[in-house]
Amino acid sequence: MEGLRSAIGAFIRERDWEQFHSPKNLAMALSVEAAEIVEHFQWLTEEQSRNLSPEKLAEVREEIGDVMIYLTELAEKLGIDPVEAAKSKVAINGQKYPAELVKGKASKYTEYRYSGLSGSIRSYTRATRPGRQVCR
């Protein structure tokens, strides 16, 4: 990750683009690049999306690269380690979506509160969303 950060930083400095890389601008650029990934899959069937041509796959690869670049730069500007943030989020999601409750289901965690849900999701929503008590 550090090598990628260094390469991105050097690229930006060589072009004097730091002036344009505010968190707001980086977040907007990240959103645009993520939408460009989506564009490649728009109107494809599930099967087609799993079997991209080599040319289409190369285009998606470039867009994923753009997303990674902007995400890395945004995280750098905000002092966030993206790998640690992702690890933390996996742990949080493990609490929000206990395997025994959600296995094979695609609903959002808030939908489980009405169907005999265990205390783990109730505890999570109270502990992590101060002022916004989702479960009562």
N, C-alpha and C. Protein backbone atom coordinates (compact mmCIF):
# COMPACT_ATOMS: atom_id res chain seq x y z
N MET A 1 0.84 -1.20 0.00
CA MET A 1 0.00 0.00 0.00
C MET A 1 0.88 1.26 0.00
N GLU A 2 1.98 1.18 0.75
CA GLU A 2 2.86 2.35 0.83
C GLU A 2 3.47 2.69 -0.53
N GLY A 3 3.82 1.67 -1.30
CA GLY A 3 4.37 1.90 -2.64
C GLY A 3 3.36 2.59 -3.54
N LEU A 4 2.12 2.18 -3.43
CA LEU A 4 1.06 2.81 -4.22
C LEU A 4 0.88 4.27 -3.81
N ARG A 5 0.86 4.52 -2.50
CA ARG A 5 0.72 5.91 -2.02
C ARG A 5 1.85 6.78 -2.54
N SER A 6 3.06 6.25 -2.50
CA SER A 6 4.23 7.01 -2.97
C SER A 6 4.13 7.31 -4.46
N ALA A 7 3.75 6.32 -5.24
CA ALA A 7 3.63 6.51 -6.69
C ALA A 7 2.55 7.54 -7.02
N ILE A 8 1.42 7.46 -6.33
CA ILE A 8 0.34 8.43 -6.56
C ILE A 8 0.80 9.82 -6.16
N GLY A 9 1.43 9.93 -5.00
CA GLY A 9 1.92 11.23 -4.54
C GLY A 9 2.90 11.86 -5.52
N ALA A 10 3.83 11.07 -6.03
CA ALA A 10 4.82 11.58 -6.99
C ALA A 10 4.13 12.04 -8.27
N PHE A 11 3.19 11.27 -8.75
CA PHE A 11 2.44 11.61 -9.96
C PHE A 11 1.74 12.96 -9.78
N ILE A 12 1.11 13.15 -8.64
CA ILE A 12 0.36 14.38 -8.36
C ILE A 12 1.31 15.58 -8.24
N ARG A 13 2.40 15.39 -7.49
CA ARG A 13 3.37 16.48 -7.30
C ARG A 13 4.01 16.91 -8.61
N GLU A 14 4.36 15.96 -9.47
CA GLU A 14 4.98 16.28 -10.75
C GLU A 14 4.09 17.14 -11.62
N ARG A 15 2.81 17.09 -11.41
CA ARG A 15 1.85 17.85 -12.21
C ARG A 15 1.28 19.05 -11.47
N ASP A 16 1.73 19.27 -10.24
CA ASP A 16 1.24 20.37 -9.40
C ASP A 16 -0.28 20.31 -9.26
N TRP A 17 -0.78 19.11 -8.97
CA TRP A 17 -2.22 18.91 -8.83
C TRP A 17 -2.68 18.88 -7.37
N GLU A 18 -1.77 19.04 -6.42
CA GLU A 18 -2.19 19.02 -5.01
C GLU A 18 -3.28 20.05 -4.75
N GLN A 19 -3.18 21.18 -5.44
CA GLN A 19 -4.13 22.28 -5.26
C GLN A 19 -5.57 21.88 -5.57
N PHE A 20 -5.75 20.83 -6.36
CA PHE A 20 -7.10 20.40 -6.75
C PHE A 20 -7.61 19.22 -5.91
N HIS A 21 -6.74 18.69 -5.07
CA HIS A 21 -7.07 17.45 -4.37
C HIS A 21 -7.58 17.68 -2.95
N SER A 22 -8.63 18.44 -2.84
CA SER A 22 -9.30 18.59 -1.54
C SER A 22 -10.11 17.32 -1.29
N PRO A 23 -10.42 17.01 -0.04
CA PRO A 23 -11.27 15.84 0.21
C PRO A 23 -12.58 15.88 -0.58
N LYS A 24 -13.19 17.05 -0.68
CA LYS A 24 -14.44 17.18 -1.45
C LYS A 24 -14.23 16.78 -2.90
N ASN A 25 -13.21 17.31 -3.54
CA ASN A 25 -12.96 17.01 -4.94
C ASN A 25 -12.60 15.54 -5.14
N LEU A 26 -11.82 15.00 -4.23
CA LEU A 26 -11.44 13.59 -4.35
C LEU A 26 -12.65 12.68 -4.17
N ALA A 27 -13.52 13.01 -3.23
CA ALA A 27 -14.73 12.21 -3.02
C ALA A 27 -15.63 12.27 -4.26
N MET A 28 -15.73 13.44 -4.86
CA MET A 28 -16.55 13.57 -6.06
C MET A 28 -15.94 12.77 -7.22
N ALA A 29 -14.63 12.86 -7.39
CA ALA A 29 -13.97 12.11 -8.46
C ALA A 29 -14.10 10.61 -8.23
N LEU A 30 -14.00 10.19 -6.99
CA LEU A 30 -14.17 8.77 -6.65
C LEU A 30 -15.56 8.29 -7.05
N SER A 31 -16.55 9.08 -6.75
CA SER A 31 -17.93 8.73 -7.10
C SER A 31 -18.11 8.61 -8.61
N VAL A 32 -17.52 9.52 -9.35
CA VAL A 32 -17.62 9.49 -10.82
C VAL A 32 -16.95 8.23 -11.36
N GLU A 33 -15.77 7.91 -10.85
CA GLU A 33 -15.06 6.73 -11.33
C GLU A 33 -15.80 5.45 -10.97
N ALA A 34 -16.40 5.39 -9.79
CA ALA A 34 -17.20 4.22 -9.42
C ALA A 34 -18.39 4.08 -10.36
N ALA A 35 -18.99 5.20 -10.74
CA ALA A 35 -20.12 5.16 -11.68
C ALA A 35 -19.65 4.67 -13.05
N GLU A 36 -18.41 4.94 -13.41
CA GLU A 36 -17.90 4.46 -14.69
C GLU A 36 -17.74 2.94 -14.67
N ILE A 37 -17.47 2.35 -13.52
CA ILE A 37 -17.47 0.89 -13.40
C ILE A 37 -18.89 0.37 -13.64
N VAL A 38 -19.84 0.98 -12.98
CA VAL A 38 -21.24 0.57 -13.10
C VAL A 38 -21.68 0.63 -14.57
N GLU A 39 -21.24 1.65 -15.27
CA GLU A 39 -21.63 1.83 -16.67
C GLU A 39 -21.28 0.60 -17.51
N HIS A 40 -20.20 -0.06 -17.22
CA HIS A 40 -19.79 -1.24 -17.98
C HIS A 40 -20.75 -2.42 -17.78
N PHE A 41 -21.47 -2.42 -16.68
CA PHE A 41 -22.37 -3.53 -16.36
C PHE A 41 -23.83 -3.20 -16.63
N GLN A 42 -24.10 -1.94 -16.90
CA GLN A 42 -25.48 -1.52 -17.15
C GLN A 42 -26.07 -2.32 -18.30
N TRP A 43 -27.24 -2.87 -18.06
CA TRP A 43 -28.04 -3.60 -19.03
C TRP A 43 -27.54 -5.02 -19.30
N LEU A 44 -26.46 -5.45 -18.65
CA LEU A 44 -26.01 -6.83 -18.82
C LEU A 44 -26.86 -7.75 -17.94
N THR A 45 -26.98 -8.97 -18.36
CA THR A 45 -27.62 -9.96 -17.50
C THR A 45 -26.62 -10.38 -16.43
N GLU A 46 -27.09 -11.10 -15.42
CA GLU A 46 -26.18 -11.61 -14.39
C GLU A 46 -25.08 -12.46 -15.03
N GLU A 47 -25.48 -13.32 -15.95
CA GLU A 47 -24.53 -14.21 -16.62
C GLU A 47 -23.51 -13.41 -17.43
N GLN A 48 -23.96 -12.43 -18.19
CA GLN A 48 -23.05 -11.62 -18.99
C GLN A 48 -22.06 -10.88 -18.10
N SER A 49 -22.52 -10.41 -16.94
CA SER A 49 -21.64 -9.66 -16.04
C SER A 49 -20.53 -10.55 -15.46
N ARG A 50 -20.75 -11.85 -15.46
CA ARG A 50 -19.75 -12.79 -14.95
C ARG A 50 -18.80 -13.28 -16.05
N ASN A 51 -19.10 -12.96 -17.28
CA ASN A 51 -18.31 -13.45 -18.41
C ASN A 51 -17.97 -12.32 -19.36
N LEU A 52 -17.23 -11.35 -18.87
CA LEU A 52 -16.85 -10.20 -19.70
C LEU A 52 -15.80 -10.62 -20.73
N SER A 53 -15.87 -9.98 -21.87
CA SER A 53 -14.84 -10.21 -22.89
C SER A 53 -13.51 -9.68 -22.37
N PRO A 54 -12.40 -10.15 -22.91
CA PRO A 54 -11.10 -9.63 -22.47
C PRO A 54 -10.99 -8.12 -22.64
N GLU A 55 -11.57 -7.58 -23.70
CA GLU A 55 -11.52 -6.13 -23.93
C GLU A 55 -12.31 -5.38 -22.86
N LYS A 56 -13.52 -5.89 -22.56
CA LYS A 56 -14.35 -5.25 -21.54
C LYS A 56 -13.70 -5.36 -20.17
N LEU A 57 -13.12 -6.51 -19.89
CA LEU A 57 -12.44 -6.72 -18.61
C LEU A 57 -11.27 -5.75 -18.45
N ALA A 58 -10.55 -5.48 -19.53
CA ALA A 58 -9.44 -4.52 -19.49
C ALA A 58 -9.96 -3.12 -19.17
N GLU A 59 -11.10 -2.75 -19.75
CA GLU A 59 -11.69 -1.44 -19.47
C GLU A 59 -12.13 -1.34 -18.01
N VAL A 60 -12.76 -2.37 -17.50
CA VAL A 60 -13.19 -2.38 -16.09
C VAL A 60 -11.97 -2.31 -15.19
N ARG A 61 -10.92 -3.01 -15.55
CA ARG A 61 -9.68 -2.99 -14.76
C ARG A 61 -9.15 -1.56 -14.63
N GLU A 62 -9.16 -0.81 -15.72
CA GLU A 62 -8.70 0.58 -15.67
C GLU A 62 -9.57 1.42 -14.75
N GLU A 63 -10.86 1.22 -14.81
CA GLU A 63 -11.77 1.99 -13.94
C GLU A 63 -11.54 1.62 -12.48
N ILE A 64 -11.31 0.36 -12.21
CA ILE A 64 -11.01 -0.06 -10.83
C ILE A 64 -9.71 0.59 -10.38
N GLY A 65 -8.75 0.71 -11.28
CA GLY A 65 -7.51 1.41 -10.95
C GLY A 65 -7.77 2.87 -10.59
N ASP A 66 -8.62 3.53 -11.37
CA ASP A 66 -8.97 4.92 -11.07
C ASP A 66 -9.63 5.05 -9.69
N VAL A 67 -10.55 4.13 -9.40
CA VAL A 67 -11.22 4.15 -8.09
C VAL A 67 -10.18 3.98 -6.97
N MET A 68 -9.28 3.05 -7.16
CA MET A 68 -8.26 2.79 -6.14
C MET A 68 -7.36 4.01 -5.93
N ILE A 69 -7.01 4.67 -7.02
CA ILE A 69 -6.17 5.86 -6.92
C ILE A 69 -6.87 6.95 -6.13
N TYR A 70 -8.11 7.26 -6.49
CA TYR A 70 -8.83 8.32 -5.78
C TYR A 70 -9.12 7.94 -4.33
N LEU A 71 -9.45 6.68 -4.08
CA LEU A 71 -9.70 6.24 -2.71
C LEU A 71 -8.43 6.34 -1.87
N THR A 72 -7.33 5.93 -2.44
CA THR A 72 -6.04 6.01 -1.73
C THR A 72 -5.68 7.45 -1.42
N GLU A 73 -5.86 8.33 -2.37
CA GLU A 73 -5.54 9.75 -2.17
C GLU A 73 -6.49 10.39 -1.15
N LEU A 74 -7.77 10.07 -1.22
CA LEU A 74 -8.73 10.60 -0.25
C LEU A 74 -8.37 10.13 1.16
N ALA A 75 -8.09 8.86 1.31
CA ALA A 75 -7.71 8.33 2.62
C ALA A 75 -6.45 9.01 3.14
N GLU A 76 -5.50 9.23 2.26
CA GLU A 76 -4.25 9.90 2.64
C GLU A 76 -4.54 11.33 3.14
N LYS A 77 -5.37 12.06 2.42
CA LYS A 77 -5.70 13.44 2.81
C LYS A 77 -6.39 13.49 4.18
N LEU A 78 -7.18 12.45 4.48
CA LEU A 78 -7.93 12.44 5.74
C LEU A 78 -7.20 11.70 6.87
N GLY A 79 -6.02 11.17 6.58
CA GLY A 79 -5.25 10.47 7.60
C GLY A 79 -5.87 9.13 7.98
N ILE A 80 -6.51 8.48 7.03
CA ILE A 80 -7.16 7.19 7.28
C ILE A 80 -6.37 6.09 6.58
N ASP A 81 -6.09 5.03 7.29
CA ASP A 81 -5.47 3.85 6.69
C ASP A 81 -6.60 3.02 6.09
N PRO A 82 -6.71 2.96 4.76
CA PRO A 82 -7.85 2.28 4.15
C PRO A 82 -7.90 0.78 4.46
N VAL A 83 -6.76 0.14 4.61
CA VAL A 83 -6.75 -1.29 4.93
C VAL A 83 -7.28 -1.50 6.34
N GLU A 84 -6.85 -0.69 7.29
CA GLU A 84 -7.36 -0.80 8.66
C GLU A 84 -8.85 -0.44 8.72
N ALA A 85 -9.25 0.56 7.95
CA ALA A 85 -10.67 0.94 7.91
C ALA A 85 -11.51 -0.22 7.39
N ALA A 86 -11.02 -0.91 6.37
CA ALA A 86 -11.76 -2.05 5.81
C ALA A 86 -11.82 -3.20 6.82
N LYS A 87 -10.71 -3.48 7.50
CA LYS A 87 -10.70 -4.54 8.51
C LYS A 87 -11.69 -4.23 9.62
N SER A 88 -11.71 -2.98 10.05
CA SER A 88 -12.64 -2.56 11.09
C SER A 88 -14.08 -2.71 10.63
N LYS A 89 -14.33 -2.34 9.39
CA LYS A 89 -15.69 -2.43 8.85
C LYS A 89 -16.15 -3.88 8.72
N VAL A 90 -15.25 -4.79 8.38
CA VAL A 90 -15.60 -6.21 8.33
C VAL A 90 -16.04 -6.68 9.71
N ALA A 91 -15.32 -6.26 10.75
CA ALA A 91 -15.69 -6.63 12.12
C ALA A 91 -17.05 -6.05 12.50
N ILE A 92 -17.28 -4.80 12.16
CA ILE A 92 -18.57 -4.16 12.44
C ILE A 92 -19.69 -4.89 11.71
N ASN A 93 -19.46 -5.21 10.45
CA ASN A 93 -20.49 -5.91 9.67
C ASN A 93 -20.75 -7.30 10.23
N GLY A 94 -19.75 -7.91 10.84
CA GLY A 94 -19.95 -9.20 11.48
C GLY A 94 -20.95 -9.11 12.62
N GLN A 95 -20.96 -7.96 13.31
CA GLN A 95 -21.93 -7.74 14.39
C GLN A 95 -23.31 -7.39 13.81
N LYS A 96 -23.31 -6.60 12.75
CA LYS A 96 -24.59 -6.18 12.15
C LYS A 96 -25.29 -7.34 11.44
N TYR A 97 -24.50 -8.25 10.91
CA TYR A 97 -25.03 -9.35 10.12
C TYR A 97 -24.53 -10.70 10.65
N PRO A 98 -25.01 -11.12 11.82
CA PRO A 98 -24.56 -12.41 12.35
C PRO A 98 -24.93 -13.53 11.37
N ALA A 99 -23.97 -14.40 11.07
CA ALA A 99 -24.17 -15.44 10.07
C ALA A 99 -25.40 -16.29 10.35
N GLU A 100 -25.64 -16.59 11.62
CA GLU A 100 -26.78 -17.45 11.94
C GLU A 100 -28.13 -16.80 11.63
N LEU A 101 -28.16 -15.48 11.52
CA LEU A 101 -29.40 -14.77 11.19
C LEU A 101 -29.56 -14.45 9.72
N VAL A 102 -28.47 -14.20 9.05
CA VAL A 102 -28.56 -13.63 7.71
C VAL A 102 -28.06 -14.54 6.59
N LYS A 103 -27.57 -15.69 6.92
CA LYS A 103 -26.99 -16.56 5.90
C LYS A 103 -27.97 -16.80 4.76
N GLY A 104 -27.51 -16.49 3.53
CA GLY A 104 -28.34 -16.67 2.35
C GLY A 104 -29.36 -15.59 2.11
N LYS A 105 -29.35 -14.53 2.93
CA LYS A 105 -30.32 -13.44 2.79
C LYS A 105 -29.59 -12.16 2.38
N ALA A 106 -30.28 -11.28 1.68
CA ALA A 106 -29.64 -10.06 1.19
C ALA A 106 -30.27 -8.78 1.76
N SER A 107 -31.07 -8.90 2.79
CA SER A 107 -31.73 -7.72 3.36
C SER A 107 -30.77 -6.88 4.18
N LYS A 108 -31.10 -5.63 4.34
CA LYS A 108 -30.32 -4.73 5.18
C LYS A 108 -30.55 -5.10 6.64
N TYR A 109 -29.55 -4.85 7.48
CA TYR A 109 -29.62 -5.26 8.88
C TYR A 109 -30.83 -4.69 9.61
N THR A 110 -31.31 -3.52 9.21
CA THR A 110 -32.46 -2.93 9.89
C THR A 110 -33.73 -3.74 9.69
N GLU A 111 -33.79 -4.55 8.64
CA GLU A 111 -34.96 -5.36 8.37
C GLU A 111 -35.05 -6.57 9.29
N TYR A 112 -33.97 -6.95 9.90
CA TYR A 112 -33.97 -8.11 10.78
C TYR A 112 -34.51 -7.80 12.16
N ARG A 113 -34.64 -6.55 12.49
CA ARG A 113 -35.11 -6.19 13.83
C ARG A 113 -36.54 -6.60 14.06
N TYR A 114 -37.31 -6.82 13.02
CA TYR A 114 -38.72 -7.16 13.16
C TYR A 114 -38.99 -8.66 13.16
N SER A 115 -37.98 -9.46 12.86
CA SER A 115 -38.21 -10.89 12.71
C SER A 115 -37.46 -11.71 13.76
N GLY A 116 -37.74 -11.44 15.02
CA GLY A 116 -37.17 -12.21 16.10
C GLY A 116 -35.66 -12.16 16.17
N LEU A 117 -35.12 -11.01 15.99
CA LEU A 117 -33.68 -10.90 15.91
C LEU A 117 -33.01 -10.96 17.27
N SER A 118 -31.82 -11.48 17.27
CA SER A 118 -31.06 -11.61 18.52
C SER A 118 -30.59 -10.24 18.98
N GLY A 119 -30.10 -10.19 20.19
CA GLY A 119 -29.66 -8.92 20.76
C GLY A 119 -28.43 -8.34 20.11
N SER A 120 -27.69 -9.12 19.32
CA SER A 120 -26.43 -8.62 18.78
C SER A 120 -26.64 -7.42 17.85
N ILE A 121 -27.64 -7.46 16.99
CA ILE A 121 -27.88 -6.33 16.10
C ILE A 121 -28.48 -5.17 16.89
N ARG A 122 -29.37 -5.47 17.84
CA ARG A 122 -29.92 -4.40 18.68
C ARG A 122 -28.79 -3.69 19.43
N SER A 123 -27.87 -4.48 20.01
CA SER A 123 -26.76 -3.88 20.74
C SER A 123 -25.89 -3.06 19.81
N TYR A 124 -25.64 -3.56 18.62
CA TYR A 124 -24.81 -2.85 17.66
C TYR A 124 -25.41 -1.50 17.33
N THR A 125 -26.69 -1.46 16.99
CA THR A 125 -27.28 -0.20 16.55
C THR A 125 -27.29 0.82 17.68
N ARG A 126 -27.50 0.37 18.89
CA ARG A 126 -27.47 1.32 20.01
C ARG A 126 -26.06 1.80 20.29
N ALA A 127 -25.08 0.90 20.21
CA ALA A 127 -23.71 1.25 20.57
C ALA A 127 -23.01 2.10 19.52
N THR A 128 -23.36 1.92 18.27
CA THR A 128 -22.61 2.60 17.22
C THR A 128 -23.34 3.77 16.59
N ARG A 129 -24.57 3.96 16.90
CA ARG A 129 -25.33 5.05 16.29
C ARG A 129 -25.89 5.96 17.37
N PRO A 130 -25.01 6.67 18.11
CA PRO A 130 -25.51 7.52 19.19
C PRO A 130 -26.50 8.55 18.67
N GLY A 131 -27.58 8.69 19.42
CA GLY A 131 -28.60 9.65 19.04
C GLY A 131 -29.56 9.13 18.01
N ARG A 132 -29.27 7.96 17.44
CA ARG A 132 -30.13 7.39 16.42
C ARG A 132 -30.43 5.94 16.82
N GLN A 133 -31.29 5.79 17.77
CA GLN A 133 -31.62 4.45 18.23
C GLN A 133 -32.57 3.80 17.24
N VAL A 134 -32.05 2.85 16.47
CA VAL A 134 -32.82 2.19 15.42
C VAL A 134 -33.77 1.18 16.01
N CYS A 135 -33.27 0.37 16.93
CA CYS A 135 -34.10 -0.67 17.55
C CYS A 135 -34.59 -0.18 18.90
N ARG A 136 -35.80 -0.45 19.21
CA ARG A 136 -36.36 0.00 20.50
C ARG A 136 -36.67 -1.19 21.38
